[in-house]
């Protein structure tokens, strides 16, 4: 179970990594494969390389369900 503040709308990749106990590189790979994390997409459209990913609460919930299934 993942617990976050109800008022928090955005999560950095470091926060998501810590909440899900997943490495940042694994998180980036999973996010890229499942098309979650919007900062990377916005940066690509602007023609620059994204330094960090940002996730919404919906993205976090999707990743929290998918990660245990992929891990095993």
PDB file of N, CA and C in Angstrom:
ATOM      1  N   UNK A   1       0.843  -1.166   0.000  1.00  0.00           N
ATOM      2  CA  UNK A   1       0.000   0.000   0.000  1.00  0.00           C
ATOM      3  C   UNK A   1       0.893   1.236   0.000  1.00  0.00           C
ATOM      4  N   UNK A   2       0.519   2.212  -0.819  1.00  0.00           N
ATOM      5  CA  UNK A   2       1.251   3.474  -0.919  1.00  0.00           C
ATOM      6  C   UNK A   2       0.421   4.558  -0.254  1.00  0.00           C
ATOM      7  N   UNK A   3       1.048   5.306   0.656  1.00  0.00           N
ATOM      8  CA  UNK A   3       0.342   6.387   1.346  1.00  0.00           C
ATOM      9  C   UNK A   3       0.978   7.715   0.965  1.00  0.00           C
ATOM     10  N   UNK A   4       0.157   8.638   0.498  1.00  0.00           N
ATOM     11  CA  UNK A   4       0.625   9.978   0.141  1.00  0.00           C
ATOM     12  C   UNK A   4      -0.376  11.001   0.651  1.00  0.00           C
ATOM     13  N   UNK A   5       0.064  12.258   0.694  1.00  0.00           N
ATOM     14  CA  UNK A   5      -0.847  13.329   1.094  1.00  0.00           C
ATOM     15  C   UNK A   5      -1.892  13.533   0.006  1.00  0.00           C
ATOM     16  N   UNK A   6      -3.107  13.795   0.389  1.00  0.00           N
ATOM     17  CA  UNK A   6      -4.190  13.996  -0.575  1.00  0.00           C
ATOM     18  C   UNK A   6      -3.973  15.255  -1.405  1.00  0.00           C
ATOM     19  N   UNK A   7      -3.287  16.236  -0.874  1.00  0.00           N
ATOM     20  CA  UNK A   7      -3.082  17.487  -1.593  1.00  0.00           C
ATOM     21  C   UNK A   7      -1.934  17.427  -2.602  1.00  0.00           C
ATOM     22  N   UNK A   8      -1.111  16.393  -2.540  1.00  0.00           N
ATOM     23  CA  UNK A   8       0.029  16.301  -3.442  1.00  0.00           C
ATOM     24  C   UNK A   8      -0.425  15.839  -4.815  1.00  0.00           C
ATOM     25  N   UNK A   9      -0.135  16.643  -5.843  1.00  0.00           N
ATOM     26  CA  UNK A   9      -0.585  16.338  -7.193  1.00  0.00           C
ATOM     27  C   UNK A   9       0.529  15.794  -8.082  1.00  0.00           C
ATOM     28  N   UNK A  10       1.778  16.140  -7.801  1.00  0.00           N
ATOM     29  CA  UNK A  10       2.914  15.714  -8.606  1.00  0.00           C
ATOM     30  C   UNK A  10       3.939  15.008  -7.740  1.00  0.00           C
ATOM     31  N   UNK A  11       4.591  14.030  -8.327  1.00  0.00           N
ATOM     32  CA  UNK A  11       5.615  13.254  -7.633  1.00  0.00           C
ATOM     33  C   UNK A  11       6.851  13.184  -8.520  1.00  0.00           C
ATOM     34  N   UNK A  12       8.016  13.420  -7.950  1.00  0.00           N
ATOM     35  CA  UNK A  12       9.257  13.305  -8.707  1.00  0.00           C
ATOM     36  C   UNK A  12       9.630  11.829  -8.822  1.00  0.00           C
ATOM     37  N   UNK A  13      10.543  11.555  -9.723  1.00  0.00           N
ATOM     38  CA  UNK A  13      10.949  10.152  -9.889  1.00  0.00           C
ATOM     39  C   UNK A  13      11.652   9.635  -8.639  1.00  0.00           C
ATOM     40  N   UNK A  14      12.313  10.512  -7.893  1.00  0.00           N
ATOM     41  CA  UNK A  14      12.947  10.077  -6.648  1.00  0.00           C
ATOM     42  C   UNK A  14      11.903   9.665  -5.616  1.00  0.00           C
ATOM     43  N   UNK A  15      10.814  10.429  -5.520  1.00  0.00           N
ATOM     44  CA  UNK A  15       9.742  10.093  -4.576  1.00  0.00           C
ATOM     45  C   UNK A  15       9.073   8.776  -4.951  1.00  0.00           C
ATOM     46  N   UNK A  16       8.782   8.601  -6.231  1.00  0.00           N
ATOM     47  CA  UNK A  16       8.132   7.371  -6.694  1.00  0.00           C
ATOM     48  C   UNK A  16       9.067   6.184  -6.486  1.00  0.00           C
ATOM     49  N   UNK A  17      10.337   6.388  -6.778  1.00  0.00           N
ATOM     50  CA  UNK A  17      11.322   5.332  -6.577  1.00  0.00           C
ATOM     51  C   UNK A  17      11.350   4.881  -5.123  1.00  0.00           C
ATOM     52  N   UNK A  18      11.337   5.834  -4.215  1.00  0.00           N
ATOM     53  CA  UNK A  18      11.369   5.522  -2.777  1.00  0.00           C
ATOM     54  C   UNK A  18      10.062   4.862  -2.329  1.00  0.00           C
ATOM     55  N   UNK A  19       8.933   5.381  -2.809  1.00  0.00           N
ATOM     56  CA  UNK A  19       7.632   4.830  -2.404  1.00  0.00           C
ATOM     57  C   UNK A  19       7.440   3.386  -2.865  1.00  0.00           C
ATOM     58  N   UNK A  20       7.945   3.072  -4.058  1.00  0.00           N
ATOM     59  CA  UNK A  20       7.743   1.734  -4.621  1.00  0.00           C
ATOM     60  C   UNK A  20       8.925   0.798  -4.391  1.00  0.00           C
ATOM     61  N   UNK A  21       9.996   1.305  -3.775  1.00  0.00           N
ATOM     62  CA  UNK A  21      11.224   0.522  -3.566  1.00  0.00           C
ATOM     63  C   UNK A  21      11.733  -0.043  -4.887  1.00  0.00           C
ATOM     64  N   UNK A  22      11.932   0.849  -5.831  1.00  0.00           N
ATOM     65  CA  UNK A  22      12.396   0.503  -7.168  1.00  0.00           C
ATOM     66  C   UNK A  22      13.537   1.446  -7.507  1.00  0.00           C
ATOM     67  N   UNK A  23      14.508   0.977  -8.252  1.00  0.00           N
ATOM     68  CA  UNK A  23      15.617   1.821  -8.672  1.00  0.00           C
ATOM     69  C   UNK A  23      15.156   2.863  -9.692  1.00  0.00           C
ATOM     70  N   UNK A  24      15.839   3.986  -9.738  1.00  0.00           N
ATOM     71  CA  UNK A  24      15.457   5.065 -10.650  1.00  0.00           C
ATOM     72  C   UNK A  24      15.556   4.610 -12.107  1.00  0.00           C
ATOM     73  N   UNK A  25      16.599   3.860 -12.448  1.00  0.00           N
ATOM     74  CA  UNK A  25      16.745   3.376 -13.820  1.00  0.00           C
ATOM     75  C   UNK A  25      15.618   2.417 -14.190  1.00  0.00           C
ATOM     76  N   UNK A  26      15.255   1.532 -13.264  1.00  0.00           N
ATOM     77  CA  UNK A  26      14.145   0.611 -13.508  1.00  0.00           C
ATOM     78  C   UNK A  26      12.833   1.382 -13.652  1.00  0.00           C
ATOM     79  N   UNK A  27      12.655   2.402 -12.832  1.00  0.00           N
ATOM     80  CA  UNK A  27      11.455   3.228 -12.895  1.00  0.00           C
ATOM     81  C   UNK A  27      11.356   3.941 -14.236  1.00  0.00           C
ATOM     82  N   UNK A  28      12.461   4.509 -14.695  1.00  0.00           N
ATOM     83  CA  UNK A  28      12.453   5.196 -15.998  1.00  0.00           C
ATOM     84  C   UNK A  28      12.105   4.226 -17.120  1.00  0.00           C
ATOM     85  N   UNK A  29      12.680   3.041 -17.065  1.00  0.00           N
ATOM     86  CA  UNK A  29      12.395   2.035 -18.089  1.00  0.00           C
ATOM     87  C   UNK A  29      10.923   1.629 -18.065  1.00  0.00           C
ATOM     88  N   UNK A  30      10.396   1.373 -16.886  1.00  0.00           N
ATOM     89  CA  UNK A  30       8.990   0.997 -16.738  1.00  0.00           C
ATOM     90  C   UNK A  30       8.076   2.124 -17.205  1.00  0.00           C
ATOM     91  N   UNK A  31       8.404   3.350 -16.840  1.00  0.00           N
ATOM     92  CA  UNK A  31       7.594   4.508 -17.239  1.00  0.00           C
ATOM     93  C   UNK A  31       7.595   4.673 -18.758  1.00  0.00           C
ATOM     94  N   UNK A  32       8.739   4.468 -19.358  1.00  0.00           N
ATOM     95  CA  UNK A  32       8.837   4.588 -20.815  1.00  0.00           C
ATOM     96  C   UNK A  32       8.022   3.498 -21.507  1.00  0.00           C
ATOM     97  N   UNK A  33       8.098   2.268 -20.982  1.00  0.00           N
ATOM     98  CA  UNK A  33       7.368   1.151 -21.589  1.00  0.00           C
ATOM     99  C   UNK A  33       5.855   1.274 -21.419  1.00  0.00           C
ATOM    100  N   UNK A  34       5.412   1.805 -20.285  1.00  0.00           N
ATOM    101  CA  UNK A  34       3.978   1.904 -20.001  1.00  0.00           C
ATOM    102  C   UNK A  34       3.406   3.287 -20.290  1.00  0.00           C
ATOM    103  N   UNK A  35       4.240   4.180 -20.820  1.00  0.00           N
ATOM    104  CA  UNK A  35       3.799   5.528 -21.226  1.00  0.00           C
ATOM    105  C   UNK A  35       3.187   6.319 -20.074  1.00  0.00           C
ATOM    106  N   UNK A  36       3.892   6.358 -18.964  1.00  0.00           N
ATOM    107  CA  UNK A  36       3.488   7.190 -17.826  1.00  0.00           C
ATOM    108  C   UNK A  36       4.641   8.130 -17.502  1.00  0.00           C
ATOM    109  N   UNK A  37       4.335   9.228 -16.863  1.00  0.00           N
ATOM    110  CA  UNK A  37       5.341  10.232 -16.566  1.00  0.00           C
ATOM    111  C   UNK A  37       5.318  11.301 -17.633  1.00  0.00           C
ATOM    112  N   UNK A  38       4.784  12.453 -17.326  1.00  0.00           N
ATOM    113  CA  UNK A  38       4.515  13.434 -18.378  1.00  0.00           C
ATOM    114  C   UNK A  38       5.668  14.376 -18.694  1.00  0.00           C
ATOM    115  N   UNK A  39       6.569  14.622 -17.766  1.00  0.00           N
ATOM    116  CA  UNK A  39       7.627  15.599 -18.008  1.00  0.00           C
ATOM    117  C   UNK A  39       8.507  15.169 -19.163  1.00  0.00           C
ATOM    118  N   UNK A  40       8.794  13.895 -19.259  1.00  0.00           N
ATOM    119  CA  UNK A  40       9.627  13.395 -20.338  1.00  0.00           C
ATOM    120  C   UNK A  40       8.976  13.638 -21.687  1.00  0.00           C
ATOM    121  N   UNK A  41       7.686  13.388 -21.793  1.00  0.00           N
ATOM    122  CA  UNK A  41       6.973  13.586 -23.056  1.00  0.00           C
ATOM    123  C   UNK A  41       6.962  15.056 -23.445  1.00  0.00           C
ATOM    124  N   UNK A  42       6.729  15.939 -22.478  1.00  0.00           N
ATOM    125  CA  UNK A  42       6.696  17.378 -22.754  1.00  0.00           C
ATOM    126  C   UNK A  42       8.083  17.861 -23.186  1.00  0.00           C
ATOM    127  N   UNK A  43       9.111  17.352 -22.572  1.00  0.00           N
ATOM    128  CA  UNK A  43      10.470  17.756 -22.928  1.00  0.00           C
ATOM    129  C   UNK A  43      10.833  17.277 -24.330  1.00  0.00           C
ATOM    130  N   UNK A  44      10.438  16.054 -24.676  1.00  0.00           N
ATOM    131  CA  UNK A  44      10.713  15.546 -26.011  1.00  0.00           C
ATOM    132  C   UNK A  44      10.022  16.385 -27.068  1.00  0.00           C
ATOM    133  N   UNK A  45       8.793  16.808 -26.798  1.00  0.00           N
ATOM    134  CA  UNK A  45       8.053  17.645 -27.742  1.00  0.00           C
ATOM    135  C   UNK A  45       8.736  19.000 -27.920  1.00  0.00           C
ATOM    136  N   UNK A  46       9.369  19.483 -26.860  1.00  0.00           N
ATOM    137  CA  UNK A  46      10.069  20.767 -26.923  1.00  0.00           C
ATOM    138  C   UNK A  46      11.465  20.620 -27.536  1.00  0.00           C
ATOM    139  N   UNK A  47      11.912  19.397 -27.742  1.00  0.00           N
ATOM    140  CA  UNK A  47      13.204  19.160 -28.355  1.00  0.00           C
ATOM    141  C   UNK A  47      14.378  19.177 -27.387  1.00  0.00           C
ATOM    142  N   UNK A  48      14.126  18.990 -26.119  1.00  0.00           N
ATOM    143  CA  UNK A  48      15.199  18.933 -25.125  1.00  0.00           C
ATOM    144  C   UNK A  48      15.148  17.602 -24.396  1.00  0.00           C
ATOM    145  N   UNK A  49      16.236  17.243 -23.771  1.00  0.00           N
ATOM    146  CA  UNK A  49      16.300  16.000 -23.009  1.00  0.00           C
ATOM    147  C   UNK A  49      15.780  16.237 -21.601  1.00  0.00           C
ATOM    148  N   UNK A  50      14.900  15.374 -21.160  1.00  0.00           N
ATOM    149  CA  UNK A  50      14.339  15.498 -19.811  1.00  0.00           C
ATOM    150  C   UNK A  50      15.356  15.026 -18.787  1.00  0.00           C
ATOM    151  N   UNK A  51      15.520  15.799 -17.743  1.00  0.00           N
ATOM    152  CA  UNK A  51      16.411  15.422 -16.653  1.00  0.00           C
ATOM    153  C   UNK A  51      15.709  14.502 -15.667  1.00  0.00           C
ATOM    154  N   UNK A  52      14.444  14.812 -15.365  1.00  0.00           N
ATOM    155  CA  UNK A  52      13.678  14.043 -14.387  1.00  0.00           C
ATOM    156  C   UNK A  52      12.251  13.858 -14.881  1.00  0.00           C
ATOM    157  N   UNK A  53      11.650  12.799 -14.416  1.00  0.00           N
ATOM    158  CA  UNK A  53      10.251  12.532 -14.730  1.00  0.00           C
ATOM    159  C   UNK A  53       9.367  13.049 -13.608  1.00  0.00           C
ATOM    160  N   UNK A  54       8.181  13.469 -13.960  1.00  0.00           N
ATOM    161  CA  UNK A  54       7.158  13.818 -12.982  1.00  0.00           C
ATOM    162  C   UNK A  54       5.981  12.893 -13.193  1.00  0.00           C
ATOM    163  N   UNK A  55       5.378  12.477 -12.099  1.00  0.00           N
ATOM    164  CA  UNK A  55       4.263  11.549 -12.158  1.00  0.00           C
ATOM    165  C   UNK A  55       3.058  12.146 -11.448  1.00  0.00           C
ATOM    166  N   UNK A  56       1.882  11.842 -11.956  1.00  0.00           N
ATOM    167  CA  UNK A  56       0.645  12.230 -11.277  1.00  0.00           C
ATOM    168  C   UNK A  56       0.279  11.129 -10.296  1.00  0.00           C
ATOM    169  N   UNK A  57      -0.734  11.383  -9.492  1.00  0.00           N
ATOM    170  CA  UNK A  57      -1.212  10.363  -8.563  1.00  0.00           C
ATOM    171  C   UNK A  57      -1.714   9.144  -9.331  1.00  0.00           C
ATOM    172  N   UNK A  58      -2.371   9.357 -10.461  1.00  0.00           N
ATOM    173  CA  UNK A  58      -2.840   8.238 -11.292  1.00  0.00           C
ATOM    174  C   UNK A  58      -1.671   7.395 -11.789  1.00  0.00           C
ATOM    175  N   UNK A  59      -0.600   8.066 -12.241  1.00  0.00           N
ATOM    176  CA  UNK A  59       0.595   7.346 -12.678  1.00  0.00           C
ATOM    177  C   UNK A  59       1.165   6.503 -11.539  1.00  0.00           C
ATOM    178  N   UNK A  60       1.220   7.092 -10.360  1.00  0.00           N
ATOM    179  CA  UNK A  60       1.742   6.388  -9.189  1.00  0.00           C
ATOM    180  C   UNK A  60       0.917   5.141  -8.885  1.00  0.00           C
ATOM    181  N   UNK A  61      -0.386   5.246  -8.955  1.00  0.00           N
ATOM    182  CA  UNK A  61      -1.248   4.096  -8.684  1.00  0.00           C
ATOM    183  C   UNK A  61      -1.063   3.005  -9.741  1.00  0.00           C
ATOM    184  N   UNK A  62      -0.920   3.398 -10.992  1.00  0.00           N
ATOM    185  CA  UNK A  62      -0.684   2.428 -12.067  1.00  0.00           C
ATOM    186  C   UNK A  62       0.631   1.698 -11.827  1.00  0.00           C
ATOM    187  N   UNK A  63       1.679   2.454 -11.519  1.00  0.00           N
ATOM    188  CA  UNK A  63       2.984   1.845 -11.277  1.00  0.00           C
ATOM    189  C   UNK A  63       2.970   0.946 -10.042  1.00  0.00           C
ATOM    190  N   UNK A  64       2.227   1.335  -9.017  1.00  0.00           N
ATOM    191  CA  UNK A  64       2.188   0.521  -7.796  1.00  0.00           C
ATOM    192  C   UNK A  64       1.495  -0.815  -8.038  1.00  0.00           C
ATOM    193  N   UNK A  65       0.606  -0.877  -9.007  1.00  0.00           N
ATOM    194  CA  UNK A  65      -0.052  -2.142  -9.346  1.00  0.00           C
ATOM    195  C   UNK A  65       0.825  -2.963 -10.284  1.00  0.00           C
ATOM    196  N   UNK A  66       1.473  -2.312 -11.243  1.00  0.00           N
ATOM    197  CA  UNK A  66       2.262  -3.033 -12.234  1.00  0.00           C
ATOM    198  C   UNK A  66       3.597  -3.552 -11.707  1.00  0.00           C
ATOM    199  N   UNK A  67       4.270  -2.780 -10.846  1.00  0.00           N
ATOM    200  CA  UNK A  67       5.617  -3.147 -10.427  1.00  0.00           C
ATOM    201  C   UNK A  67       5.697  -4.519  -9.759  1.00  0.00           C
ATOM    202  N   UNK A  68       4.838  -4.874  -8.810  1.00  0.00           N
ATOM    203  CA  UNK A  68       4.961  -6.224  -8.222  1.00  0.00           C
ATOM    204  C   UNK A  68       4.758  -7.344  -9.257  1.00  0.00           C
ATOM    205  N   UNK A  69       3.899  -7.104 -10.239  1.00  0.00           N
ATOM    206  CA  UNK A  69       3.651  -8.136 -11.252  1.00  0.00           C
ATOM    207  C   UNK A  69       4.845  -8.287 -12.183  1.00  0.00           C
ATOM    208  N   UNK A  70       5.500  -7.202 -12.524  1.00  0.00           N
ATOM    209  CA  UNK A  70       6.659  -7.250 -13.405  1.00  0.00           C
ATOM    210  C   UNK A  70       7.872  -7.796 -12.668  1.00  0.00           C
ATOM    211  N   UNK A  71       7.982  -7.458 -11.400  1.00  0.00           N
ATOM    212  CA  UNK A  71       9.126  -7.866 -10.590  1.00  0.00           C
ATOM    213  C   UNK A  71       9.211  -9.377 -10.433  1.00  0.00           C
ATOM    214  N   UNK A  72       8.093 -10.061 -10.395  1.00  0.00           N
ATOM    215  CA  UNK A  72       8.086 -11.508 -10.134  1.00  0.00           C
ATOM    216  C   UNK A  72       8.112 -12.270 -11.393  1.00  0.00           C
TER     217      UNK A  72
END
